[in-house]
Amino acid sequence: MKTAIIIPARYGSTRFPGKPLADIDGKTMLQRVVEIGRRAAATNNSTSFFVATDDTRIADHCAAIGAPCIMTSSDCPTGSDRVLEAAAKAGAHFDVLISLQGDAPFTPAEAVIRMIEAFEENPRHEVVTPVVRLRWTELDALRKAKKKTPFSGTTAIIDEGGRAIWFSKNIIPAIRKEDGLRRQSEYSPAYQHMGLYAYRTDILEKFVSLRQGYYETLEGLEQLRFIENGISIHAVILAVGAGTAQAGIDSPEDLKRAKKFLKMVK
């Protein structure tokens, strides 16, 4: 099974132009993500990695840090389209494509490795994505954060076989008789989703041809397009702190929080 870890990196963000090149404690955001991709790819001989961009400034930076880079069209509407175009231009066939977001510099390499392993164990998987089961204290912190920023943080419902049933910007499931559950376990029934995906190549080709789904539009979650079209998503559960599931960096304010987070984990 041949896998490609592809890092879509766009310079022209509306809210934060040039963010892949923003400095975080002496390294650019993109450089940190490249290091994650490189570590994950090194664990598997059949895995490649490269950056996909439409901007020469990012391509020049990739050359400076020794990261392979493929230039893509500026017309790609989403990161998923950019990943697919880059894979097509790479000159090799890949069975599985992993989209490692260029604005998520604290993604644990374990998340990428676990997705590769999931496909090796079952090549019939269509999409694989990581989730983190929240401790009660972490769930309480997420509830508190959502009072200020209600659309930050995505939760998921996972069945016993690991299939993702639904995702939402609301906290799901709603929990009755919570006090009793708290006494039984350190962990809550809630899972927080990390915005990271591994796709079978044919499934990603199908995905980019589909129209946005009704619930996808309402929630602003593209993974709901899979579910709305009968495409199965398998979840791998990570034993990491919820802080690693934090969203990508979308604004200068997020960058400030990221720098604080980095100081906390050092």
Protein backbone atom coordinates (compact mmCIF):
# COMPACT_ATOMS: atom_id res chain seq x y z
CA MET A 1 0.00 0.00 0.00
CA LYS A 2 1.49 3.32 -1.08
CA THR A 3 0.62 6.36 1.00
CA ALA A 4 1.30 10.07 0.56
CA ILE A 5 1.23 12.59 3.38
CA ILE A 6 0.42 15.87 1.66
CA ILE A 7 0.56 19.25 3.39
CA PRO A 8 -1.67 21.81 1.64
CA ALA A 9 -0.23 25.27 2.34
CA ARG A 10 -1.81 28.45 1.01
CA TYR A 11 -0.24 31.89 1.40
CA GLY A 12 -3.32 33.98 0.62
CA SER A 13 -5.49 33.44 3.70
CA THR A 14 -8.11 36.18 4.04
CA ARG A 15 -7.88 36.37 7.82
CA PHE A 16 -4.16 35.71 8.11
CA PRO A 17 -2.12 36.27 4.91
CA GLY A 18 1.17 34.40 4.87
CA LYS A 19 0.35 32.29 7.91
CA PRO A 20 2.33 29.17 6.85
CA LEU A 21 5.45 31.33 7.12
CA ALA A 22 4.53 32.85 10.50
CA ASP A 23 7.19 32.34 13.16
CA ILE A 24 6.46 30.18 16.20
CA ASP A 25 9.41 30.22 18.59
CA GLY A 26 12.10 30.26 15.92
CA LYS A 27 10.46 27.98 13.37
CA THR A 28 7.80 28.73 10.80
CA MET A 29 4.40 27.17 11.20
CA LEU A 30 4.94 25.19 8.01
CA GLN A 31 8.36 23.97 9.13
CA ARG A 32 6.79 22.51 12.26
CA VAL A 33 4.17 20.69 10.20
CA VAL A 34 6.83 19.42 7.79
CA GLU A 35 8.70 17.92 10.75
CA ILE A 36 5.52 16.09 11.78
CA GLY A 37 5.04 14.72 8.26
CA ARG A 38 8.68 13.70 8.02
CA ARG A 39 8.55 11.83 11.36
CA ALA A 40 5.38 9.99 10.37
CA ALA A 41 6.68 9.07 6.90
CA ALA A 42 9.92 7.73 8.37
CA THR A 43 8.01 4.96 10.16
CA ASN A 44 6.79 3.38 6.92
CA ASN A 45 8.84 2.57 3.82
CA SER A 46 5.80 2.92 1.55
CA THR A 47 4.95 6.46 2.69
CA SER A 48 6.00 9.69 0.96
CA PHE A 49 5.39 13.26 2.04
CA PHE A 50 5.42 16.65 0.38
CA VAL A 51 3.95 20.14 0.55
CA ALA A 52 1.32 21.30 -1.97
CA THR A 53 1.10 25.04 -2.65
CA ASP A 54 0.23 27.58 -5.32
CA ASP A 55 2.64 30.24 -4.05
CA THR A 56 6.32 30.61 -4.94
CA ARG A 57 7.11 32.14 -1.52
CA ILE A 58 6.05 28.92 0.15
CA ALA A 59 7.84 26.84 -2.48
CA ASP A 60 11.04 28.85 -1.86
CA HIS A 61 10.70 28.27 1.89
CA CYS A 62 10.26 24.54 1.28
CA ALA A 63 13.50 24.53 -0.69
CA ALA A 64 15.25 26.34 2.16
CA ILE A 65 14.14 23.78 4.77
CA GLY A 66 14.63 20.76 2.52
CA ALA A 67 10.95 19.87 2.14
CA PRO A 68 9.71 18.38 -1.14
CA CYS A 69 7.07 20.61 -2.73
CA ILE A 70 4.62 20.36 -5.62
CA MET A 71 3.10 23.44 -7.23
CA THR A 72 -0.66 23.30 -7.73
CA SER A 73 -3.25 25.51 -9.36
CA SER A 74 -4.44 28.66 -7.62
CA ASP A 75 -7.99 27.62 -8.56
CA CYS A 76 -8.25 24.78 -6.00
CA PRO A 77 -11.42 25.55 -3.99
CA THR A 78 -10.40 23.50 -0.93
CA GLY A 79 -7.40 21.86 0.66
CA SER A 80 -8.83 18.49 -0.38
CA ASP A 81 -8.76 19.55 -4.05
CA ARG A 82 -5.17 20.72 -3.62
CA VAL A 83 -4.16 17.39 -2.08
CA LEU A 84 -5.72 15.47 -4.95
CA GLU A 85 -4.08 17.66 -7.61
CA ALA A 86 -0.68 17.36 -5.94
CA ALA A 87 -1.00 13.58 -5.79
CA ALA A 88 -1.81 13.48 -9.50
CA LYS A 89 1.27 15.59 -10.27
CA ALA A 90 3.60 13.55 -8.08
CA GLY A 91 4.26 11.01 -10.82
CA ALA A 92 3.26 7.98 -8.75
CA HIS A 93 0.06 6.17 -7.82
CA PHE A 94 -0.97 6.37 -4.18
CA ASP A 95 -3.56 4.11 -2.59
CA VAL A 96 -4.06 6.41 0.41
CA LEU A 97 -3.75 10.19 0.72
CA ILE A 98 -3.34 11.95 4.05
CA SER A 99 -4.14 15.64 4.29
CA LEU A 100 -1.92 17.14 6.99
CA GLN A 101 -3.00 20.74 7.41
CA GLY A 102 -0.24 23.31 7.09
CA ASP A 103 -1.78 25.45 9.84
CA ALA A 104 -1.87 22.74 12.54
CA PRO A 105 1.70 22.73 13.92
CA PHE A 106 0.90 20.76 17.08
CA THR A 107 -0.64 17.73 15.43
CA PRO A 108 0.93 14.66 17.09
CA ALA A 109 2.83 12.47 14.64
CA GLU A 110 1.08 9.55 16.35
CA ALA A 111 -2.20 10.67 14.76
CA VAL A 112 -0.75 10.33 11.26
CA ILE A 113 0.97 7.04 12.06
CA ARG A 114 -2.21 5.55 13.52
CA MET A 115 -4.17 6.43 10.38
CA ILE A 116 -1.58 4.71 8.19
CA GLU A 117 -1.73 1.65 10.44
CA ALA A 118 -5.53 1.59 10.26
CA PHE A 119 -5.39 1.38 6.46
CA GLU A 120 -2.73 -1.32 6.60
CA GLU A 121 -4.96 -3.36 8.91
CA ASN A 122 -8.02 -2.82 6.72
CA PRO A 123 -7.47 -1.48 3.20
CA ARG A 124 -11.26 -1.40 2.73
CA HIS A 125 -11.55 1.65 4.96
CA GLU A 126 -12.81 4.62 2.98
CA VAL A 127 -11.80 7.49 5.30
CA VAL A 128 -9.88 7.41 8.58
CA THR A 129 -9.71 10.26 11.09
CA PRO A 130 -8.38 10.63 14.67
CA VAL A 131 -10.40 11.54 17.77
CA VAL A 132 -9.53 12.09 21.41
CA ARG A 133 -11.75 10.81 24.21
CA LEU A 134 -12.23 13.68 26.64
CA ARG A 135 -11.68 13.42 30.36
CA TRP A 136 -14.42 15.09 32.36
CA THR A 137 -12.09 18.00 33.17
CA GLU A 138 -11.35 18.43 29.45
CA LEU A 139 -15.05 18.29 28.59
CA ASP A 140 -15.73 20.96 31.20
CA ALA A 141 -13.00 23.13 29.66
CA LEU A 142 -14.51 22.69 26.20
CA ARG A 143 -17.95 23.65 27.52
CA LYS A 144 -16.45 26.79 29.05
CA ALA A 145 -14.62 27.70 25.83
CA LYS A 146 -17.80 27.35 23.80
CA LYS A 147 -19.52 30.03 25.84
CA LYS A 148 -17.13 32.54 24.21
CA THR A 149 -16.45 30.81 20.89
CA PRO A 150 -19.35 28.42 20.22
CA PHE A 151 -17.95 27.19 16.89
CA SER A 152 -14.54 26.21 18.22
CA GLY A 153 -13.96 22.52 18.80
CA THR A 154 -15.76 19.66 17.06
CA THR A 155 -17.13 16.59 18.83
CA ALA A 156 -18.01 13.19 17.41
CA ILE A 157 -20.13 10.14 18.17
CA ILE A 158 -18.33 6.84 17.54
CA ASP A 159 -19.97 3.40 17.50
CA GLU A 160 -18.49 0.26 19.08
CA GLY A 161 -16.77 -0.72 15.86
CA GLY A 162 -15.00 2.63 15.52
CA ARG A 163 -17.28 4.08 12.83
CA ALA A 164 -18.02 7.78 13.16
CA ILE A 165 -21.78 8.29 13.27
CA TRP A 166 -21.86 12.10 13.43
CA PHE A 167 -19.82 15.24 14.02
CA SER A 168 -21.01 18.55 15.41
CA LYS A 169 -19.89 21.95 16.62
CA ASN A 170 -22.31 21.35 19.47
CA ILE A 171 -21.09 19.01 22.19
CA ILE A 172 -22.52 15.57 21.51
CA PRO A 173 -23.92 13.43 22.98
CA ALA A 174 -26.07 15.26 25.49
CA ILE A 175 -25.51 13.53 28.83
CA ARG A 176 -28.20 12.78 31.38
CA LYS A 177 -27.33 11.54 34.88
CA GLU A 178 -23.85 12.94 34.47
CA ASP A 179 -22.94 12.79 38.16
CA GLY A 180 -23.24 9.02 38.19
CA LEU A 181 -21.07 8.66 35.10
CA ARG A 182 -18.42 10.94 36.58
CA ARG A 183 -18.11 8.61 39.57
CA GLN A 184 -17.61 5.59 37.33
CA SER A 185 -14.79 6.78 35.07
CA GLU A 186 -12.19 9.47 34.53
CA TYR A 187 -13.36 9.71 30.93
CA SER A 188 -16.57 11.21 29.60
CA PRO A 189 -18.58 9.75 26.69
CA ALA A 190 -17.53 12.69 24.48
CA TYR A 191 -14.89 12.56 21.75
CA GLN A 192 -13.16 15.62 20.30
CA HIS A 193 -12.29 15.45 16.63
CA MET A 194 -8.93 16.37 15.17
CA GLY A 195 -9.27 17.95 11.72
CA LEU A 196 -7.08 15.39 10.02
CA TYR A 197 -8.03 12.80 7.38
CA ALA A 198 -6.64 9.85 5.48
CA TYR A 199 -8.59 8.94 2.36
CA ARG A 200 -8.54 6.09 -0.06
CA THR A 201 -7.64 7.89 -3.28
CA ASP A 202 -10.79 6.82 -5.11
CA ILE A 203 -12.91 8.11 -2.22
CA LEU A 204 -11.22 11.53 -2.27
CA GLU A 205 -11.82 11.69 -6.03
CA LYS A 206 -15.50 10.99 -5.36
CA PHE A 207 -15.65 13.51 -2.49
CA VAL A 208 -14.40 16.50 -4.50
CA SER A 209 -17.03 15.78 -7.17
CA LEU A 210 -19.91 15.89 -4.68
CA ARG A 211 -21.92 19.00 -3.90
CA GLN A 212 -21.84 20.41 -0.38
CA GLY A 213 -24.29 18.61 1.86
CA TYR A 214 -27.17 20.23 3.73
CA TYR A 215 -25.80 19.50 7.19
CA GLU A 216 -22.25 20.18 6.05
CA THR A 217 -23.36 23.70 5.17
CA LEU A 218 -25.24 24.21 8.43
CA GLU A 219 -22.39 22.98 10.66
CA GLY A 220 -19.51 24.13 8.48
CA LEU A 221 -17.98 20.64 8.67
CA GLU A 222 -16.89 19.08 5.39
CA GLN A 223 -16.65 15.59 6.93
CA LEU A 224 -20.45 15.54 7.07
CA ARG A 225 -20.44 15.40 3.26
CA PHE A 226 -19.02 11.90 3.56
CA ILE A 227 -21.73 10.77 5.96
CA GLU A 228 -24.50 12.46 3.98
CA ASN A 229 -23.36 10.51 0.91
CA GLY A 230 -23.00 7.13 2.60
CA ILE A 231 -19.18 7.17 2.82
CA SER A 232 -17.93 5.51 5.99
CA ILE A 233 -15.48 7.26 8.33
CA HIS A 234 -13.41 5.11 10.67
CA ALA A 235 -12.12 6.81 13.83
CA VAL A 236 -8.84 5.98 15.54
CA ILE A 237 -8.88 6.93 19.21
CA LEU A 238 -5.73 8.62 20.50
CA ALA A 239 -4.54 8.49 24.08
CA VAL A 240 -3.29 12.09 24.12
CA GLY A 241 -4.35 15.22 25.96
CA ALA A 242 -7.19 17.26 24.49
CA GLY A 243 -4.80 20.17 23.94
CA THR A 244 -3.34 18.34 20.96
CA ALA A 245 -6.78 18.31 19.35
CA GLN A 246 -6.87 22.10 19.21
CA ALA A 247 -7.98 23.65 15.98
CA GLY A 248 -5.63 24.99 13.36
CA ILE A 249 -4.30 28.52 13.42
CA ASP A 250 -6.67 30.77 11.47
CA SER A 251 -5.84 34.25 12.81
CA PRO A 252 -3.08 36.27 14.50
CA GLU A 253 -4.99 35.77 17.76
CA ASP A 254 -4.77 32.00 17.29
CA LEU A 255 -1.03 32.41 16.74
CA LYS A 256 -0.67 34.13 20.10
CA ARG A 257 -2.52 31.26 21.79
CA ALA A 258 -0.33 28.76 19.94
CA LYS A 259 2.82 30.41 21.27
CA LYS A 260 1.42 30.22 24.80
CA PHE A 261 0.52 26.56 24.26
CA LEU A 262 4.06 25.81 23.10
CA LYS A 263 5.51 27.36 26.26
CA MET A 264 3.16 25.24 28.39
CA VAL A 265 4.19 21.93 26.80
CA LYS A 266 7.93 22.64 26.78
